[in-house]
Amino acid sequence: MVPAAPLAALRADDAQPFANRTVEVRRLGLVDYVPTWELQEELMAATLAIKTQNRAAETTGALPQPTPNYLLLCEHPHTYTLGKSGKPEHLLLNDEALTEHHASFHRINRGGDITYHGPGQLVGYPILDLDNFRPDIHWYLRVLEEAVIRTLAGYGLNAGRIAGLTGVWLGWEEGAANPRKICALGVKCSRWVTLHGFALNVAPDLSYFGHIVPCGIPDKAVTSLAQELGRAVAVAEVQERLLPHLAELLGSRLI
C-alpha cells in the first residue's frame, strides 16, 4: 500500500538561474504511433543539441541557452508497444491476428514491458529537460503518477500506487480483492531529457488488453475511467483536468 504523496514532497527543486519551466503543450488528437515517436525523438535531439552547446559555452563564460520543454497529448489507433526489458511472448497475437484486429506492434526504447494504446486512451509524452525541474527519474515518475491520481480523485476515484509496480491503480489498498491498473508509465531519459510517458485509460476498448500480458503482470486486471464510473467520459475533458495538476507538481507554466 502506497498512499498519495503530499505536494511538498513532489515539488520541483529551486530552479537554476537559467532554468526554463515553461512547457509547450501540443494537442495532437488521434495520430499514428510511429510519426509521434519520431516527433518525440526530434524534439529530444534538438534539446540535447542545446545542452551540448551550453556545455561548450561554459568554457568561454557565455550564458547558457534555455532548453525547451514539451508535452504531447494524443490518442493512437490500436497499437502494442514492447519496451526494452519486455518479453515478446507477452504479445498473444501473431502477425495475422494483429491484422485482423487492425493493430500494429512496435519494439521501442522505453523501459517496461508490453502495453496497449488505442482510441479512448489519453497518452502523454513529456519531453522535459529535468535539469529545469529536478534531475531525478524516480521523482519524475512519481510526479506523473500523482498528476493522474489527483485527476482521478476529481472523479471520485481513490487511485494510488502499489509498491514495486509503476503506474496508477484502483484497488491498490493492502488486502484489496481486485487491484486493477488504470494508467501505465514507461519512460526513457537521456542526459536528463525525457521521452515516452503515460497512458491513462479513459474509455478504450478494454478487450484489446486481453491480447497481451499487460506490462508483464499476469495476475492483475486493467480498467478504465468509463468502466469505473459506468458512463461515457471524453478524453478531451480528462486531458484538460489533468493539465493543472501536472503544472502545479512541476511548478511550470503551460503554453
Protein backbone atom coordinates (compact mmCIF):
# COMPACT_ATOMS: atom_id res chain seq x y z
CA MET A 1 0.00 0.00 0.00
CA VAL A 2 1.45 3.36 -1.08
CA PRO A 3 -0.57 6.45 -0.10
CA ALA A 4 -0.76 9.56 -2.25
CA ALA A 5 2.27 11.79 -1.81
CA PRO A 6 1.98 15.25 -0.25
CA LEU A 7 2.51 18.09 -2.70
CA ALA A 8 5.54 19.43 -0.85
CA ALA A 9 7.38 16.13 -1.26
CA LEU A 10 6.87 16.23 -5.02
CA ARG A 11 7.62 19.84 -5.87
CA ALA A 12 10.47 20.54 -8.25
CA ASP A 13 13.72 21.81 -6.78
CA ASP A 14 14.51 25.51 -6.88
CA ALA A 15 15.45 26.13 -10.50
CA GLN A 16 18.91 27.05 -11.64
CA PRO A 17 19.27 30.72 -12.68
CA PHE A 18 18.66 29.94 -16.36
CA ALA A 19 16.27 27.03 -15.97
CA ASN A 20 13.14 27.12 -18.10
CA ARG A 21 9.96 25.74 -16.55
CA THR A 22 7.63 26.71 -19.35
CA VAL A 23 6.09 23.66 -21.03
CA GLU A 24 4.69 23.84 -24.55
CA VAL A 25 1.57 21.66 -24.78
CA ARG A 26 0.70 20.17 -28.15
CA ARG A 27 -2.73 18.55 -28.51
CA LEU A 28 -2.27 16.17 -31.42
CA GLY A 29 -5.61 14.34 -31.43
CA LEU A 30 -5.75 10.83 -32.92
CA VAL A 31 -2.36 10.17 -34.56
CA ASP A 32 -0.42 7.12 -35.70
CA TYR A 33 2.19 5.85 -33.30
CA VAL A 34 5.35 5.97 -35.43
CA PRO A 35 5.13 9.65 -36.52
CA THR A 36 4.53 10.63 -32.90
CA TRP A 37 7.54 8.61 -31.79
CA GLU A 38 9.63 10.29 -34.49
CA LEU A 39 8.43 13.72 -33.31
CA GLN A 40 9.48 12.88 -29.76
CA GLU A 41 12.92 11.83 -30.99
CA GLU A 42 13.30 15.05 -32.99
CA LEU A 43 12.38 17.24 -30.02
CA MET A 44 14.71 15.31 -27.73
CA ALA A 45 17.60 15.54 -30.20
CA ALA A 46 17.14 19.32 -30.52
CA THR A 47 17.15 19.72 -26.73
CA LEU A 48 20.25 17.55 -26.37
CA ALA A 49 22.00 19.67 -29.00
CA ILE A 50 21.32 22.80 -26.94
CA LYS A 51 22.71 21.08 -23.85
CA THR A 52 25.87 20.18 -25.78
CA GLN A 53 26.25 23.79 -26.90
CA ASN A 54 25.75 25.01 -23.34
CA ARG A 55 28.43 22.68 -22.07
CA ALA A 56 30.87 24.11 -24.61
CA ALA A 57 29.82 27.65 -23.70
CA GLU A 58 30.81 27.07 -20.07
CA THR A 59 34.49 27.15 -21.08
CA THR A 60 34.11 30.67 -22.52
CA GLY A 61 31.87 32.08 -19.83
CA ALA A 62 28.98 32.57 -22.27
CA LEU A 63 25.45 32.48 -20.92
CA PRO A 64 23.65 29.17 -21.47
CA GLN A 65 20.67 28.93 -23.79
CA PRO A 66 17.47 27.78 -22.02
CA THR A 67 16.32 24.32 -23.01
CA PRO A 68 12.69 23.82 -24.05
CA ASN A 69 10.08 21.50 -22.54
CA TYR A 70 7.18 19.90 -24.38
CA LEU A 71 4.10 17.84 -23.59
CA LEU A 72 2.50 15.93 -26.47
CA LEU A 73 -1.07 14.77 -25.78
CA CYS A 74 -2.78 12.35 -28.13
CA GLU A 75 -4.66 9.15 -28.82
CA HIS A 76 -3.40 6.35 -31.03
CA PRO A 77 -5.05 3.76 -33.28
CA HIS A 78 -4.81 0.21 -31.90
CA THR A 79 -1.12 -0.24 -31.12
CA TYR A 80 1.02 -2.55 -29.00
CA THR A 81 4.49 -1.45 -27.88
CA LEU A 82 7.20 -3.52 -26.23
CA GLY A 83 9.82 -1.88 -24.02
CA LYS A 84 13.48 -2.82 -23.80
CA SER A 85 13.00 -5.15 -20.86
CA GLY A 86 9.82 -6.71 -22.23
CA LYS A 87 9.22 -10.27 -23.36
CA PRO A 88 7.90 -10.81 -26.91
CA GLU A 89 5.78 -13.73 -25.69
CA HIS A 90 3.69 -11.25 -23.70
CA LEU A 91 2.06 -10.34 -27.03
CA LEU A 92 -0.51 -13.09 -27.57
CA LEU A 93 -1.28 -12.26 -31.22
CA ASN A 94 0.66 -13.33 -34.31
CA ASP A 95 1.03 -11.12 -37.38
CA GLU A 96 -2.18 -12.40 -38.97
CA ALA A 97 -4.17 -11.79 -35.80
CA LEU A 98 -2.73 -8.28 -35.46
CA THR A 99 -4.02 -7.52 -38.94
CA GLU A 100 -7.43 -8.95 -38.10
CA HIS A 101 -7.61 -6.66 -35.07
CA HIS A 102 -6.41 -3.63 -37.09
CA ALA A 103 -3.48 -3.31 -34.67
CA SER A 104 0.23 -2.61 -35.09
CA PHE A 105 3.20 -3.74 -32.99
CA HIS A 106 6.42 -1.86 -32.29
CA ARG A 107 9.57 -2.54 -30.27
CA ILE A 108 10.61 0.74 -28.69
CA ASN A 109 13.33 2.21 -26.49
CA ARG A 110 11.42 2.96 -23.29
CA GLY A 111 11.60 0.94 -20.12
CA GLY A 112 8.95 -1.55 -19.12
CA ASP A 113 7.21 -4.45 -20.83
CA ILE A 114 4.31 -4.55 -23.28
CA THR A 115 1.37 -2.18 -23.29
CA TYR A 116 -1.57 -1.23 -25.45
CA HIS A 117 -2.57 2.14 -26.92
CA GLY A 118 -5.87 2.82 -28.62
CA PRO A 119 -8.73 5.25 -29.16
CA GLY A 120 -10.23 6.37 -25.87
CA GLN A 121 -6.88 6.35 -24.09
CA LEU A 122 -5.15 9.61 -23.13
CA VAL A 123 -1.46 9.31 -23.98
CA GLY A 124 1.01 11.91 -22.74
CA TYR A 125 4.60 12.26 -23.92
CA PRO A 126 6.51 14.84 -21.86
CA ILE A 127 9.83 15.79 -23.44
CA LEU A 128 11.26 17.64 -20.47
CA ASP A 129 14.77 18.65 -19.52
CA LEU A 130 14.73 17.51 -15.91
CA ASP A 131 17.67 19.84 -15.23
CA ASN A 132 14.97 22.52 -15.40
CA PHE A 133 12.98 20.79 -12.66
CA ARG A 134 14.74 18.08 -10.65
CA PRO A 135 17.26 15.65 -12.19
CA ASP A 136 15.75 12.56 -10.59
CA ILE A 137 13.93 9.96 -12.70
CA HIS A 138 12.17 8.41 -9.70
CA TRP A 139 10.83 11.82 -8.69
CA TYR A 140 9.64 12.35 -12.26
CA LEU A 141 7.74 9.05 -12.36
CA ARG A 142 6.07 9.84 -9.05
CA VAL A 143 5.01 13.27 -10.41
CA LEU A 144 3.36 11.69 -13.45
CA GLU A 145 1.58 9.19 -11.20
CA GLU A 146 0.49 11.88 -8.78
CA ALA A 147 -0.97 14.07 -11.53
CA VAL A 148 -3.10 11.12 -12.65
CA ILE A 149 -4.08 10.22 -9.07
CA ARG A 150 -5.29 13.76 -8.43
CA THR A 151 -7.15 13.88 -11.73
CA LEU A 152 -8.98 10.65 -10.88
CA ALA A 153 -9.78 11.99 -7.41
CA GLY A 154 -11.74 14.73 -9.16
CA TYR A 155 -14.00 11.96 -10.49
CA GLY A 156 -14.43 10.49 -7.02
CA LEU A 157 -11.99 7.60 -7.54
CA ASN A 158 -9.45 6.62 -4.88
CA ALA A 159 -6.45 5.79 -7.08
CA GLY A 160 -2.97 5.07 -5.76
CA ARG A 161 0.26 3.14 -6.11
CA ILE A 162 1.25 -0.46 -5.45
CA ALA A 163 4.75 -0.88 -4.04
CA GLY A 164 7.18 -2.19 -6.63
CA LEU A 165 4.83 -1.57 -9.56
CA THR A 166 5.00 1.59 -11.66
CA GLY A 167 1.70 3.17 -12.68
CA VAL A 168 -1.63 4.12 -11.14
CA TRP A 169 -4.08 1.57 -9.72
CA LEU A 170 -7.55 1.20 -8.30
CA GLY A 171 -7.97 -1.36 -5.55
CA TRP A 172 -4.39 -0.55 -4.58
CA GLU A 173 -5.00 -0.69 -0.82
CA GLU A 174 -3.38 -3.53 1.12
CA GLY A 175 -5.67 -6.56 1.11
CA ALA A 176 -7.90 -5.23 -1.68
CA ALA A 177 -9.50 -8.07 -3.61
CA ASN A 178 -9.33 -6.64 -7.12
CA PRO A 179 -6.30 -4.47 -7.93
CA ARG A 180 -6.64 -3.05 -11.44
CA LYS A 181 -4.40 -0.77 -13.44
CA ILE A 182 -5.82 2.39 -14.94
CA CYS A 183 -2.64 4.17 -16.05
CA ALA A 184 0.65 2.75 -17.36
CA LEU A 185 4.00 4.54 -17.38
CA GLY A 186 7.11 3.88 -19.41
CA VAL A 187 9.91 6.39 -19.93
CA LYS A 188 13.39 6.87 -21.28
CA CYS A 189 15.82 9.53 -20.09
CA SER A 190 19.00 10.72 -21.84
CA ARG A 191 21.14 13.36 -20.12
CA TRP A 192 18.02 14.20 -18.10
CA VAL A 193 15.83 14.74 -21.17
CA THR A 194 12.73 12.53 -21.03
CA LEU A 195 10.97 10.51 -23.71
CA HIS A 196 7.73 8.45 -23.80
CA GLY A 197 5.40 8.86 -20.81
CA PHE A 198 1.97 7.74 -19.60
CA ALA A 199 -1.20 6.13 -20.95
CA LEU A 200 -4.40 6.76 -18.99
CA ASN A 201 -7.37 4.53 -19.81
CA VAL A 202 -10.28 6.92 -20.17
CA ALA A 203 -12.66 4.90 -22.37
CA PRO A 204 -10.69 2.47 -24.57
CA ASP A 205 -11.87 -0.93 -25.79
CA LEU A 206 -10.51 -2.96 -22.89
CA SER A 207 -10.79 -6.21 -24.84
CA TYR A 208 -7.50 -5.30 -26.55
CA PHE A 209 -5.69 -5.77 -23.24
CA GLY A 210 -6.80 -9.40 -23.40
CA HIS A 211 -4.32 -9.98 -26.22
CA ILE A 212 -1.26 -9.19 -24.07
CA VAL A 213 0.11 -9.77 -20.59
CA PRO A 214 -0.26 -6.08 -19.64
CA CYS A 215 3.06 -4.62 -18.51
CA GLY A 216 4.22 -8.21 -17.94
CA ILE A 217 1.93 -8.58 -14.90
CA PRO A 218 -0.26 -11.69 -15.35
CA ASP A 219 -2.33 -11.60 -12.14
CA LYS A 220 -3.86 -8.09 -12.12
CA ALA A 221 -6.69 -6.58 -14.13
CA VAL A 222 -6.91 -3.47 -16.29
CA THR A 223 -9.69 -0.93 -16.04
CA SER A 224 -10.77 2.46 -17.38
CA LEU A 225 -12.35 5.62 -16.06
CA ALA A 226 -15.51 4.95 -18.06
CA GLN A 227 -15.80 1.41 -16.70
CA GLU A 228 -15.35 2.56 -13.11
CA LEU A 229 -17.88 5.38 -13.44
CA GLY A 230 -20.34 3.41 -15.53
CA ARG A 231 -20.74 6.24 -18.03
CA ALA A 232 -19.10 7.80 -21.06
CA VAL A 233 -16.13 10.09 -20.45
CA ALA A 234 -14.43 12.24 -23.10
CA VAL A 235 -10.65 12.08 -23.46
CA ALA A 236 -10.52 15.84 -24.07
CA GLU A 237 -12.28 16.50 -20.75
CA VAL A 238 -9.85 14.35 -18.77
CA GLN A 239 -6.91 15.91 -20.61
CA GLU A 240 -7.88 19.41 -19.53
CA ARG A 241 -8.45 18.30 -15.93
CA LEU A 242 -5.02 16.68 -15.77
CA LEU A 243 -3.02 19.65 -17.06
CA PRO A 244 -3.38 21.93 -13.98
CA HIS A 245 -2.25 19.12 -11.67
CA LEU A 246 0.81 18.43 -13.79
CA ALA A 247 1.65 22.13 -13.96
CA GLU A 248 1.37 22.51 -10.19
CA LEU A 249 3.56 19.50 -9.46
CA LEU A 250 6.23 20.60 -11.92
CA GLY A 251 5.99 24.23 -10.84
CA SER A 252 5.62 25.03 -14.53
CA ARG A 253 3.70 27.35 -16.80
CA LEU A 254 1.86 25.66 -19.66
CA ILE A 255 1.58 27.38 -23.04
